[in-house]
Amino acid sequence: MSERDQTEDQENLQTAQPPQPSAAATDAGPTPDDPPKTIKPSRRSVILMVLVALIGVLAILYAWQLWPFSSRVAVTENAYVRGQITVLAPQVNGYVTEVLVQDFEQVAQGQPLVRIDDRQYRQLVEQRQAELAARRFDLENLEQTLASNQATLASRRAELSAAEAELQRALADEKRVNELAERGSVSIRERDQIR
């Protein structure tokens, strides 16, 4: 305490004290009629004590993580979660381009959860469609070739039939000429020309 505070305290004591009794009474000790001596704390010491108490309260609140130091997120070191583990797997492989649900959102069976990049699958479909179109074109060409070959075959068969008919006529003519030559109706020279 500073000298000023001490002098203030002494003045306060002097003003609060009743008139002094004789020296003999003072030496004998305090009498029951004397009021007790009180020391009035200075303003600075009161502020200092309040600050120390406030810091102590804040330290306790912080240590116990109470308001205003409490977390808005529940934290535990030994929590047990009850639930079912469900394995999620897409029907096709690929990169996820979009997630269609939010965290902790309830979903129904069959509901799409993510969108997978489908560019490679679209390319594959387009490639297969092009291959299918090429095979159809080949099939049409083969059908046209088959029709052409069938027409050629029919033409060749007709030519064969005509040749067979010509052969039969020639054989019949030869037979008839031979018969006529034996009877003498046709000369041998005419018979040789017909052969």
N, C-alpha and C. Protein backbone atom coordinates (compact mmCIF):
# COMPACT_ATOMS: atom_id res chain seq x y z
N MET A 1 0.84 -1.17 0.00
CA MET A 1 0.00 0.00 0.00
C MET A 1 0.89 1.23 0.00
N SER A 2 0.41 2.22 -0.63
CA SER A 2 1.20 3.46 -0.69
C SER A 2 0.95 4.29 0.56
N GLU A 3 1.77 5.29 0.74
CA GLU A 3 1.65 6.15 1.91
C GLU A 3 0.33 6.91 1.89
N ARG A 4 -0.09 7.27 0.72
CA ARG A 4 -1.35 8.03 0.60
C ARG A 4 -2.51 7.18 1.10
N ASP A 5 -2.52 5.87 0.67
CA ASP A 5 -3.60 4.97 1.10
C ASP A 5 -3.57 4.79 2.62
N GLN A 6 -2.37 4.70 3.18
CA GLN A 6 -2.24 4.53 4.62
C GLN A 6 -2.75 5.76 5.36
N THR A 7 -2.43 6.94 4.83
CA THR A 7 -2.90 8.16 5.50
C THR A 7 -4.40 8.27 5.41
N GLU A 8 -4.97 7.84 4.27
CA GLU A 8 -6.44 7.88 4.12
C GLU A 8 -7.07 6.93 5.13
N ASP A 9 -6.46 5.75 5.29
CA ASP A 9 -7.00 4.78 6.23
C ASP A 9 -6.93 5.32 7.66
N GLN A 10 -5.86 5.98 7.99
CA GLN A 10 -5.72 6.53 9.33
C GLN A 10 -6.73 7.64 9.57
N GLU A 11 -6.96 8.47 8.57
CA GLU A 11 -7.95 9.54 8.72
C GLU A 11 -9.33 8.95 8.92
N ASN A 12 -9.63 7.89 8.16
CA ASN A 12 -10.94 7.24 8.30
C ASN A 12 -11.09 6.66 9.69
N LEU A 13 -10.04 6.10 10.21
CA LEU A 13 -10.10 5.53 11.55
C LEU A 13 -10.29 6.63 12.61
N GLN A 14 -9.64 7.73 12.41
CA GLN A 14 -9.74 8.81 13.38
C GLN A 14 -11.12 9.43 13.36
N THR A 15 -11.71 9.56 12.20
CA THR A 15 -13.04 10.16 12.14
C THR A 15 -14.08 9.20 12.65
N ALA A 16 -13.85 7.92 12.52
CA ALA A 16 -14.83 6.95 12.95
C ALA A 16 -14.70 6.65 14.44
N GLN A 17 -13.61 7.06 15.08
CA GLN A 17 -13.39 6.73 16.48
C GLN A 17 -14.05 7.78 17.37
N PRO A 18 -14.58 7.34 18.51
CA PRO A 18 -15.10 8.30 19.50
C PRO A 18 -13.93 8.96 20.21
N PRO A 19 -14.19 9.93 21.04
CA PRO A 19 -13.10 10.61 21.73
C PRO A 19 -12.26 9.63 22.52
N GLN A 20 -10.99 9.90 22.60
CA GLN A 20 -10.00 9.01 23.20
C GLN A 20 -10.19 8.98 24.72
N PRO A 21 -10.22 7.79 25.28
CA PRO A 21 -10.26 7.71 26.74
C PRO A 21 -8.88 8.00 27.31
N SER A 22 -8.79 7.94 28.54
CA SER A 22 -7.52 8.28 29.19
C SER A 22 -6.48 7.23 28.87
N ALA A 23 -5.22 7.54 29.15
CA ALA A 23 -4.11 6.66 28.82
C ALA A 23 -4.19 5.37 29.62
N ALA A 24 -4.71 5.42 30.82
CA ALA A 24 -4.80 4.21 31.64
C ALA A 24 -5.79 3.25 31.03
N ALA A 25 -6.87 3.74 30.46
CA ALA A 25 -7.90 2.87 29.87
C ALA A 25 -7.39 2.24 28.58
N THR A 26 -6.58 2.95 27.84
CA THR A 26 -6.06 2.45 26.56
C THR A 26 -5.07 1.34 26.82
N ASP A 27 -4.29 1.48 27.88
CA ASP A 27 -3.29 0.45 28.13
C ASP A 27 -3.95 -0.84 28.61
N ALA A 28 -5.09 -0.73 29.18
CA ALA A 28 -5.75 -1.90 29.73
C ALA A 28 -6.29 -2.79 28.62
N GLY A 29 -6.47 -2.33 27.39
CA GLY A 29 -6.99 -3.11 26.27
C GLY A 29 -8.35 -2.60 25.83
N PRO A 30 -8.89 -3.20 24.86
CA PRO A 30 -10.17 -2.72 24.34
C PRO A 30 -11.29 -3.03 25.32
N THR A 31 -12.17 -2.11 25.38
CA THR A 31 -13.33 -2.26 26.25
C THR A 31 -14.51 -2.69 25.39
N PRO A 32 -15.48 -3.29 25.99
CA PRO A 32 -16.61 -3.75 25.19
C PRO A 32 -17.38 -2.60 24.57
N ASP A 33 -17.25 -1.40 25.05
CA ASP A 33 -17.99 -0.28 24.47
C ASP A 33 -17.30 0.27 23.22
N ASP A 34 -16.05 -0.05 22.99
CA ASP A 34 -15.33 0.47 21.82
C ASP A 34 -15.82 -0.25 20.55
N PRO A 35 -16.05 0.50 19.49
CA PRO A 35 -16.45 -0.16 18.22
C PRO A 35 -15.22 -0.85 17.60
N PRO A 36 -15.43 -1.95 16.83
CA PRO A 36 -14.29 -2.65 16.23
C PRO A 36 -13.65 -1.80 15.14
N LYS A 37 -12.38 -2.00 14.97
CA LYS A 37 -11.66 -1.23 13.96
C LYS A 37 -11.85 -1.93 12.61
N THR A 38 -12.25 -1.21 11.59
CA THR A 38 -12.42 -1.75 10.23
C THR A 38 -11.52 -0.99 9.29
N ILE A 39 -10.98 -1.74 8.34
CA ILE A 39 -10.14 -1.11 7.33
C ILE A 39 -10.95 -1.05 6.05
N LYS A 40 -11.09 0.12 5.49
CA LYS A 40 -11.83 0.28 4.24
C LYS A 40 -10.85 0.04 3.09
N PRO A 41 -11.14 -0.97 2.20
CA PRO A 41 -10.22 -1.25 1.10
C PRO A 41 -10.26 -0.12 0.07
N SER A 42 -9.12 0.05 -0.57
CA SER A 42 -9.05 1.12 -1.57
C SER A 42 -9.73 0.64 -2.86
N ARG A 43 -10.01 1.57 -3.71
CA ARG A 43 -10.71 1.29 -4.98
C ARG A 43 -9.84 0.38 -5.87
N ARG A 44 -8.57 0.63 -5.91
CA ARG A 44 -7.66 -0.15 -6.75
C ARG A 44 -7.63 -1.62 -6.29
N SER A 45 -7.60 -1.86 -5.01
CA SER A 45 -7.55 -3.24 -4.52
C SER A 45 -8.88 -3.95 -4.79
N VAL A 46 -9.99 -3.24 -4.76
CA VAL A 46 -11.29 -3.85 -5.07
C VAL A 46 -11.32 -4.27 -6.54
N ILE A 47 -10.87 -3.40 -7.42
CA ILE A 47 -10.85 -3.71 -8.85
C ILE A 47 -9.93 -4.90 -9.10
N LEU A 48 -8.79 -4.94 -8.45
CA LEU A 48 -7.85 -6.03 -8.61
C LEU A 48 -8.46 -7.35 -8.14
N MET A 49 -9.16 -7.36 -7.02
CA MET A 49 -9.80 -8.57 -6.52
C MET A 49 -10.91 -9.04 -7.47
N VAL A 50 -11.69 -8.12 -8.02
CA VAL A 50 -12.76 -8.48 -8.96
C VAL A 50 -12.16 -9.09 -10.22
N LEU A 51 -11.06 -8.51 -10.72
CA LEU A 51 -10.40 -9.05 -11.91
C LEU A 51 -9.86 -10.45 -11.66
N VAL A 52 -9.24 -10.67 -10.51
CA VAL A 52 -8.72 -11.99 -10.18
C VAL A 52 -9.86 -13.00 -10.09
N ALA A 53 -10.96 -12.62 -9.47
CA ALA A 53 -12.12 -13.52 -9.36
C ALA A 53 -12.71 -13.82 -10.74
N LEU A 54 -12.81 -12.82 -11.59
CA LEU A 54 -13.35 -13.00 -12.94
C LEU A 54 -12.46 -13.93 -13.76
N ILE A 55 -11.15 -13.73 -13.66
CA ILE A 55 -10.22 -14.60 -14.38
C ILE A 55 -10.33 -16.03 -13.86
N GLY A 56 -10.50 -16.20 -12.58
CA GLY A 56 -10.67 -17.54 -12.00
C GLY A 56 -11.94 -18.21 -12.50
N VAL A 57 -13.04 -17.47 -12.54
CA VAL A 57 -14.31 -18.02 -13.03
C VAL A 57 -14.18 -18.41 -14.50
N LEU A 58 -13.57 -17.54 -15.30
CA LEU A 58 -13.38 -17.84 -16.72
C LEU A 58 -12.48 -19.06 -16.91
N ALA A 59 -11.45 -19.20 -16.09
CA ALA A 59 -10.57 -20.36 -16.19
C ALA A 59 -11.33 -21.65 -15.88
N ILE A 60 -12.20 -21.61 -14.89
CA ILE A 60 -13.01 -22.79 -14.55
C ILE A 60 -13.97 -23.12 -15.69
N LEU A 61 -14.63 -22.10 -16.25
CA LEU A 61 -15.55 -22.33 -17.37
C LEU A 61 -14.81 -22.92 -18.57
N TYR A 62 -13.63 -22.44 -18.84
CA TYR A 62 -12.84 -22.95 -19.97
C TYR A 62 -12.39 -24.38 -19.72
N ALA A 63 -11.96 -24.67 -18.49
CA ALA A 63 -11.47 -26.00 -18.17
C ALA A 63 -12.58 -27.04 -18.30
N TRP A 64 -13.79 -26.69 -17.91
CA TRP A 64 -14.92 -27.60 -17.98
C TRP A 64 -15.68 -27.49 -19.30
N GLN A 65 -15.20 -26.66 -20.20
CA GLN A 65 -15.84 -26.43 -21.50
C GLN A 65 -17.32 -26.08 -21.34
N LEU A 66 -17.57 -25.16 -20.43
CA LEU A 66 -18.92 -24.66 -20.22
C LEU A 66 -19.10 -23.36 -21.00
N TRP A 67 -20.35 -22.86 -21.03
CA TRP A 67 -20.63 -21.63 -21.76
C TRP A 67 -19.71 -20.53 -21.27
N PRO A 68 -19.14 -19.71 -22.06
CA PRO A 68 -19.20 -19.49 -23.50
C PRO A 68 -18.13 -20.26 -24.27
N PHE A 69 -17.46 -21.19 -23.62
CA PHE A 69 -16.38 -21.93 -24.27
C PHE A 69 -16.85 -23.29 -24.79
N SER A 70 -18.12 -23.58 -24.64
CA SER A 70 -18.61 -24.89 -25.07
C SER A 70 -18.67 -24.96 -26.59
N SER A 71 -18.50 -26.15 -27.09
CA SER A 71 -18.53 -26.38 -28.53
C SER A 71 -19.96 -26.65 -28.97
N ARG A 72 -20.31 -26.27 -30.17
CA ARG A 72 -21.65 -26.52 -30.70
C ARG A 72 -21.76 -27.95 -31.24
N VAL A 73 -20.63 -28.62 -31.34
CA VAL A 73 -20.62 -29.99 -31.85
C VAL A 73 -20.40 -30.93 -30.67
N ALA A 74 -21.22 -31.95 -30.60
CA ALA A 74 -21.07 -32.92 -29.52
C ALA A 74 -19.83 -33.76 -29.77
N VAL A 75 -19.00 -33.87 -28.77
CA VAL A 75 -17.75 -34.62 -28.89
C VAL A 75 -17.70 -35.65 -27.78
N THR A 76 -17.32 -36.85 -28.14
CA THR A 76 -17.15 -37.90 -27.15
C THR A 76 -15.99 -38.77 -27.58
N GLU A 77 -15.41 -39.47 -26.62
CA GLU A 77 -14.27 -40.32 -26.93
C GLU A 77 -14.66 -41.79 -26.95
N ASN A 78 -15.84 -42.13 -26.47
CA ASN A 78 -16.22 -43.54 -26.40
C ASN A 78 -17.66 -43.73 -26.88
N ALA A 79 -18.00 -43.18 -28.00
CA ALA A 79 -19.36 -43.28 -28.50
C ALA A 79 -19.56 -44.59 -29.25
N TYR A 80 -20.76 -45.11 -29.18
CA TYR A 80 -21.14 -46.30 -29.93
C TYR A 80 -22.31 -45.91 -30.82
N VAL A 81 -22.18 -46.22 -32.09
CA VAL A 81 -23.23 -45.89 -33.04
C VAL A 81 -23.93 -47.17 -33.44
N ARG A 82 -25.24 -47.15 -33.32
CA ARG A 82 -26.02 -48.29 -33.76
C ARG A 82 -26.55 -47.97 -35.14
N GLY A 83 -26.40 -48.89 -36.02
CA GLY A 83 -26.90 -48.68 -37.38
C GLY A 83 -26.54 -49.87 -38.23
N GLN A 84 -26.97 -49.78 -39.46
CA GLN A 84 -26.68 -50.84 -40.41
C GLN A 84 -25.67 -50.34 -41.40
N ILE A 85 -24.74 -51.20 -41.72
CA ILE A 85 -23.75 -50.87 -42.74
C ILE A 85 -24.29 -51.38 -44.06
N THR A 86 -24.42 -50.49 -45.00
CA THR A 86 -24.94 -50.85 -46.31
C THR A 86 -23.88 -50.56 -47.35
N VAL A 87 -23.57 -51.55 -48.13
CA VAL A 87 -22.58 -51.38 -49.19
C VAL A 87 -23.29 -50.80 -50.40
N LEU A 88 -22.75 -49.70 -50.89
CA LEU A 88 -23.31 -49.07 -52.08
C LEU A 88 -22.35 -49.30 -53.23
N ALA A 89 -22.89 -49.74 -54.35
CA ALA A 89 -22.05 -49.96 -55.53
C ALA A 89 -22.87 -49.61 -56.76
N PRO A 90 -22.27 -48.92 -57.70
CA PRO A 90 -23.01 -48.59 -58.92
C PRO A 90 -23.12 -49.81 -59.83
N GLN A 91 -24.05 -49.75 -60.76
CA GLN A 91 -24.20 -50.85 -61.71
C GLN A 91 -23.09 -50.82 -62.75
N VAL A 92 -22.52 -49.64 -62.97
CA VAL A 92 -21.41 -49.49 -63.92
C VAL A 92 -20.30 -48.70 -63.24
N ASN A 93 -19.08 -48.89 -63.70
CA ASN A 93 -17.95 -48.15 -63.16
C ASN A 93 -17.81 -46.82 -63.86
N GLY A 94 -17.23 -45.85 -63.16
CA GLY A 94 -16.98 -44.55 -63.76
C GLY A 94 -16.74 -43.50 -62.70
N TYR A 95 -16.46 -42.29 -63.17
CA TYR A 95 -16.23 -41.17 -62.27
C TYR A 95 -17.56 -40.51 -61.91
N VAL A 96 -17.70 -40.12 -60.64
CA VAL A 96 -18.91 -39.44 -60.18
C VAL A 96 -18.84 -37.98 -60.62
N THR A 97 -19.88 -37.53 -61.32
CA THR A 97 -19.92 -36.14 -61.76
C THR A 97 -20.84 -35.30 -60.89
N GLU A 98 -21.80 -35.94 -60.21
CA GLU A 98 -22.74 -35.17 -59.40
C GLU A 98 -23.30 -36.06 -58.30
N VAL A 99 -23.38 -35.51 -57.09
CA VAL A 99 -24.00 -36.21 -55.97
C VAL A 99 -25.40 -35.64 -55.83
N LEU A 100 -26.41 -36.51 -55.88
CA LEU A 100 -27.80 -36.06 -55.94
C LEU A 100 -28.47 -35.97 -54.58
N VAL A 101 -27.80 -36.35 -53.49
CA VAL A 101 -28.38 -36.28 -52.15
C VAL A 101 -27.44 -35.52 -51.22
N GLN A 102 -27.98 -35.05 -50.11
CA GLN A 102 -27.21 -34.32 -49.11
C GLN A 102 -26.84 -35.27 -47.97
N ASP A 103 -25.90 -34.86 -47.13
CA ASP A 103 -25.51 -35.66 -45.97
C ASP A 103 -26.72 -35.85 -45.06
N PHE A 104 -26.85 -37.05 -44.53
CA PHE A 104 -27.89 -37.43 -43.57
C PHE A 104 -29.31 -37.33 -44.15
N GLU A 105 -29.44 -37.26 -45.45
CA GLU A 105 -30.75 -37.22 -46.08
C GLU A 105 -31.27 -38.65 -46.22
N GLN A 106 -32.57 -38.85 -45.95
CA GLN A 106 -33.14 -40.17 -46.11
C GLN A 106 -33.40 -40.42 -47.58
N VAL A 107 -33.11 -41.62 -48.01
CA VAL A 107 -33.30 -41.98 -49.41
C VAL A 107 -34.18 -43.22 -49.50
N ALA A 108 -34.80 -43.38 -50.65
CA ALA A 108 -35.67 -44.53 -50.88
C ALA A 108 -34.95 -45.54 -51.76
N GLN A 109 -35.43 -46.76 -51.72
CA GLN A 109 -34.82 -47.81 -52.53
C GLN A 109 -35.02 -47.47 -54.00
N GLY A 110 -33.94 -47.58 -54.76
CA GLY A 110 -34.00 -47.30 -56.19
C GLY A 110 -33.77 -45.84 -56.54
N GLN A 111 -33.69 -44.98 -55.54
CA GLN A 111 -33.46 -43.56 -55.81
C GLN A 111 -32.01 -43.35 -56.24
N PRO A 112 -31.79 -42.61 -57.33
CA PRO A 112 -30.40 -42.34 -57.74
C PRO A 112 -29.69 -41.48 -56.70
N LEU A 113 -28.47 -41.87 -56.35
CA LEU A 113 -27.69 -41.14 -55.36
C LEU A 113 -26.61 -40.29 -56.01
N VAL A 114 -26.04 -40.79 -57.09
CA VAL A 114 -24.97 -40.07 -57.79
C VAL A 114 -25.19 -40.20 -59.29
N ARG A 115 -24.58 -39.29 -60.01
CA ARG A 115 -24.59 -39.36 -61.47
C ARG A 115 -23.15 -39.66 -61.91
N ILE A 116 -23.01 -40.69 -62.72
CA ILE A 116 -21.69 -41.13 -63.18
C ILE A 116 -21.45 -40.58 -64.58
N ASP A 117 -20.20 -40.20 -64.83
CA ASP A 117 -19.81 -39.68 -66.15
C ASP A 117 -20.10 -40.75 -67.20
N ASP A 118 -20.97 -40.43 -68.15
CA ASP A 118 -21.39 -41.42 -69.13
C ASP A 118 -20.80 -41.20 -70.51
N ARG A 119 -19.80 -40.37 -70.62
CA ARG A 119 -19.22 -40.09 -71.94
C ARG A 119 -18.65 -41.34 -72.59
N GLN A 120 -17.90 -42.14 -71.83
CA GLN A 120 -17.30 -43.33 -72.42
C GLN A 120 -18.37 -44.32 -72.85
N TYR A 121 -19.47 -44.40 -72.10
CA TYR A 121 -20.54 -45.32 -72.47
C TYR A 121 -21.30 -44.82 -73.69
N ARG A 122 -21.49 -43.51 -73.78
CA ARG A 122 -22.13 -42.96 -74.98
C ARG A 122 -21.27 -43.21 -76.21
N GLN A 123 -19.95 -43.05 -76.06
CA GLN A 123 -19.05 -43.34 -77.18
C GLN A 123 -19.14 -44.81 -77.58
N LEU A 124 -19.21 -45.68 -76.61
CA LEU A 124 -19.32 -47.11 -76.88
C LEU A 124 -20.63 -47.42 -77.60
N VAL A 125 -21.72 -46.79 -77.17
CA VAL A 125 -23.02 -47.00 -77.82
C VAL A 125 -22.96 -46.50 -79.26
N GLU A 126 -22.38 -45.31 -79.46
CA GLU A 126 -22.27 -44.77 -80.82
C GLU A 126 -21.41 -45.69 -81.70
N GLN A 127 -20.34 -46.22 -81.13
CA GLN A 127 -19.47 -47.13 -81.88
C GLN A 127 -20.23 -48.40 -82.27
N ARG A 128 -20.99 -48.95 -81.32
CA ARG A 128 -21.76 -50.16 -81.60
C ARG A 128 -22.87 -49.88 -82.62
N GLN A 129 -23.48 -48.69 -82.56
CA GLN A 129 -24.50 -48.35 -83.54
C GLN A 129 -23.88 -48.22 -84.93
N ALA A 130 -22.69 -47.66 -85.02
CA ALA A 130 -22.00 -47.56 -86.32
C ALA A 130 -21.67 -48.95 -86.85
N GLU A 131 -21.20 -49.83 -85.96
CA GLU A 131 -20.91 -51.20 -86.38
C GLU A 131 -22.17 -51.91 -86.85
N LEU A 132 -23.29 -51.68 -86.15
CA LEU A 132 -24.56 -52.29 -86.53
C LEU A 132 -25.00 -51.78 -87.90
N ALA A 133 -24.86 -50.48 -88.14
CA ALA A 133 -25.22 -49.91 -89.44
C ALA A 133 -24.35 -50.50 -90.55
N ALA A 134 -23.06 -50.70 -90.28
CA ALA A 134 -22.16 -51.30 -91.27
C ALA A 134 -22.57 -52.74 -91.56
N ARG A 135 -22.94 -53.49 -90.52
CA ARG A 135 -23.38 -54.88 -90.72
C ARG A 135 -24.69 -54.93 -91.51
N ARG A 136 -25.59 -54.01 -91.26
CA ARG A 136 -26.84 -53.96 -92.03
C ARG A 136 -26.56 -53.65 -93.49
N PHE A 137 -25.62 -52.73 -93.74
CA PHE A 137 -25.24 -52.40 -95.11
C PHE A 137 -24.64 -53.62 -95.79
N ASP A 138 -23.76 -54.35 -95.06
CA ASP A 138 -23.18 -55.58 -95.61
C ASP A 138 -24.27 -56.60 -95.92
N LEU A 139 -25.26 -56.71 -95.02
CA LEU A 139 -26.36 -57.65 -95.23
C LEU A 139 -27.16 -57.28 -96.48
N GLU A 140 -27.45 -55.99 -96.66
CA GLU A 140 -28.18 -55.56 -97.86
C GLU A 140 -27.37 -55.88 -99.11
N ASN A 141 -26.05 -55.64 -99.07
CA ASN A 141 -25.20 -55.97 -100.22
C ASN A 141 -25.22 -57.46 -100.51
N LEU A 142 -25.14 -58.27 -99.45
CA LEU A 142 -25.17 -59.72 -99.64
C LEU A 142 -26.51 -60.18 -100.19
N GLU A 143 -27.60 -59.56 -99.71
CA GLU A 143 -28.92 -59.91 -100.24
C GLU A 143 -29.02 -59.56 -101.72
N GLN A 144 -28.47 -58.40 -102.10
CA GLN A 144 -28.48 -58.02 -103.52
C GLN A 144 -27.59 -58.97 -104.33
N THR A 145 -26.45 -59.33 -103.78
CA THR A 145 -25.56 -60.27 -104.47
C THR A 145 -26.25 -61.62 -104.62
N LEU A 146 -26.95 -62.05 -103.55
CA LEU A 146 -27.68 -63.31 -103.60
C LEU A 146 -28.76 -63.26 -104.68
N ALA A 147 -29.52 -62.16 -104.74
CA ALA A 147 -30.56 -62.03 -105.76
C ALA A 147 -29.94 -62.05 -107.15
N SER A 148 -28.82 -61.36 -107.32
CA SER A 148 -28.13 -61.34 -108.62
C SER A 148 -27.63 -62.74 -108.98
N ASN A 149 -27.05 -63.43 -108.01
CA ASN A 149 -26.56 -64.78 -108.26
C ASN A 149 -27.70 -65.74 -108.58
N GLN A 150 -28.84 -65.56 -107.89
CA GLN A 150 -29.99 -66.41 -108.17
C GLN A 150 -30.51 -66.15 -109.59
N ALA A 151 -30.51 -64.87 -110.01
CA ALA A 151 -30.94 -64.56 -111.39
C ALA A 151 -29.96 -65.15 -112.40
N THR A 152 -28.67 -65.06 -112.09
CA THR A 152 -27.65 -65.64 -112.98
C THR A 152 -27.82 -67.15 -113.05
N LEU A 153 -28.09 -67.78 -111.91
CA LEU A 153 -28.30 -69.22 -111.86
C LEU A 153 -29.52 -69.62 -112.70
N ALA A 154 -30.58 -68.85 -112.55
CA ALA A 154 -31.79 -69.14 -113.34
C ALA A 154 -31.49 -69.00 -114.82
N SER A 155 -30.71 -67.96 -115.16
CA SER A 155 -30.33 -67.76 -116.56
C SER A 155 -29.49 -68.93 -117.06
N ARG A 156 -28.55 -69.38 -116.26
CA ARG A 156 -27.70 -70.49 -116.66
C ARG A 156 -28.52 -71.79 -116.79
N ARG A 157 -29.47 -71.95 -115.89
CA ARG A 157 -30.33 -73.13 -115.98
C ARG A 157 -31.16 -73.09 -117.27
N ALA A 158 -31.63 -71.89 -117.60
CA ALA A 158 -32.41 -71.75 -118.84
C ALA A 158 -31.53 -72.05 -120.05
N GLU A 159 -30.28 -71.55 -119.98
CA GLU A 159 -29.35 -71.83 -121.08
C GLU A 159 -29.06 -73.33 -121.17
N LEU A 160 -28.91 -73.97 -120.00
CA LEU A 160 -28.67 -75.41 -119.97
C LEU A 160 -29.86 -76.16 -120.56
N SER A 161 -31.05 -75.74 -120.17
CA SER A 161 -32.26 -76.39 -120.70
C SER A 161 -32.34 -76.21 -122.21
N ALA A 162 -31.99 -74.99 -122.65
CA ALA A 162 -32.02 -74.74 -124.10
C ALA A 162 -30.98 -75.61 -124.81
N ALA A 163 -29.80 -75.74 -124.18
CA ALA A 163 -28.74 -76.56 -124.79
C ALA A 163 -29.16 -78.02 -124.82
N GLU A 164 -29.79 -78.49 -123.73
CA GLU A 164 -30.26 -79.88 -123.69
C GLU A 164 -31.33 -80.10 -124.76
N ALA A 165 -32.21 -79.12 -124.90
CA ALA A 165 -33.26 -79.23 -125.93
C ALA A 165 -32.64 -79.25 -127.33
N GLU A 166 -31.62 -78.42 -127.53
CA GLU A 166 -30.92 -78.38 -128.83
C GLU A 166 -30.23 -79.72 -129.09
N LEU A 167 -29.65 -80.29 -128.02
CA LEU A 167 -29.00 -81.59 -128.15
C LEU A 167 -30.02 -82.66 -128.54
N GLN A 168 -31.15 -82.64 -127.86
CA GLN A 168 -32.19 -83.62 -128.15
C GLN A 168 -32.69 -83.48 -129.59
N ARG A 169 -32.85 -82.23 -130.04
CA ARG A 169 -33.28 -82.00 -131.42
C ARG A 169 -32.23 -82.49 -132.40
N ALA A 170 -30.95 -82.20 -132.07
CA ALA A 170 -29.86 -82.62 -132.97
C ALA A 170 -29.79 -84.15 -133.03
N LEU A 171 -29.95 -84.81 -131.87
CA LEU A 171 -29.93 -86.27 -131.84
C LEU A 171 -31.10 -86.84 -132.65
N ALA A 172 -32.24 -86.20 -132.48
CA ALA A 172 -33.42 -86.66 -133.22
C ALA A 172 -33.22 -86.46 -134.72
N ASP A 173 -32.62 -85.31 -135.09
CA ASP A 173 -32.35 -85.05 -136.52
C ASP A 173 -31.37 -86.08 -137.07
N GLU A 174 -30.34 -86.40 -136.28
CA GLU A 174 -29.33 -87.36 -136.75
C GLU A 174 -29.95 -88.74 -136.94
N LYS A 175 -30.80 -89.10 -136.00
CA LYS A 175 -31.45 -90.40 -136.08
C LYS A 175 -32.33 -90.46 -137.32
N ARG A 176 -33.06 -89.41 -137.54
CA ARG A 176 -33.95 -89.38 -138.69
C ARG A 176 -33.14 -89.40 -139.99
N VAL A 177 -32.04 -88.65 -140.06
CA VAL A 177 -31.22 -88.60 -141.27
C VAL A 177 -30.58 -89.97 -141.50
N ASN A 178 -30.15 -90.63 -140.43
CA ASN A 178 -29.56 -91.96 -140.58
C ASN A 178 -30.60 -92.94 -141.14
N GLU A 179 -31.81 -92.83 -140.65
CA GLU A 179 -32.86 -93.71 -141.14
C GLU A 179 -33.14 -93.41 -142.62
N LEU A 180 -33.16 -92.12 -142.95
CA LEU A 180 -33.41 -91.75 -144.35
C LEU A 180 -32.23 -92.18 -145.23
N ALA A 181 -31.02 -92.09 -144.69
CA ALA A 181 -29.84 -92.48 -145.47
C ALA A 181 -29.85 -93.98 -145.71
N GLU A 182 -30.29 -94.78 -144.80
CA GLU A 182 -30.36 -96.21 -144.97
C GLU A 182 -31.42 -96.57 -146.01
N ARG A 183 -32.45 -95.84 -146.09
CA ARG A 183 -33.50 -96.09 -147.08
C ARG A 183 -33.09 -95.52 -148.42
N GLY A 184 -32.14 -94.68 -148.41
CA GLY A 184 -31.67 -94.08 -149.66
C GLY A 184 -32.38 -92.80 -150.01
N SER A 185 -33.12 -92.26 -149.11
CA SER A 185 -33.82 -91.03 -149.40
C SER A 185 -32.87 -89.84 -149.32
N VAL A 186 -31.83 -89.95 -148.56
CA VAL A 186 -30.88 -88.83 -148.39
C VAL A 186 -29.53 -89.37 -148.79
N SER A 187 -28.78 -88.53 -149.43
CA SER A 187 -27.45 -88.95 -149.86
C SER A 187 -26.50 -88.97 -148.66
N ILE A 188 -25.43 -89.67 -148.82
CA ILE A 188 -24.46 -89.78 -147.72
C ILE A 188 -23.84 -88.42 -147.47
N ARG A 189 -23.68 -87.68 -148.48
CA ARG A 189 -23.11 -86.32 -148.34
C ARG A 189 -24.01 -85.46 -147.49
N GLU A 190 -25.29 -85.48 -147.66
CA GLU A 190 -26.24 -84.68 -146.86
C GLU A 190 -26.22 -85.17 -145.42
N ARG A 191 -26.08 -86.49 -145.30
CA ARG A 191 -26.03 -87.05 -143.95
C ARG A 191 -24.80 -86.55 -143.23
N ASP A 192 -23.67 -86.49 -143.83
CA ASP A 192 -22.43 -86.00 -143.20
C ASP A 192 -22.54 -84.52 -142.86
N GLN A 193 -23.24 -83.74 -143.63
CA GLN A 193 -23.40 -82.30 -143.34
C GLN A 193 -24.25 -82.09 -142.09
N ILE A 194 -25.20 -82.95 -141.91
CA ILE A 194 -26.10 -82.79 -140.77
C ILE A 194 -25.36 -83.17 -139.49
N ARG A 195 -24.43 -84.06 -139.58
CA ARG A 195 -23.69 -84.48 -138.39
C ARG A 195 -22.84 -83.36 -137.99
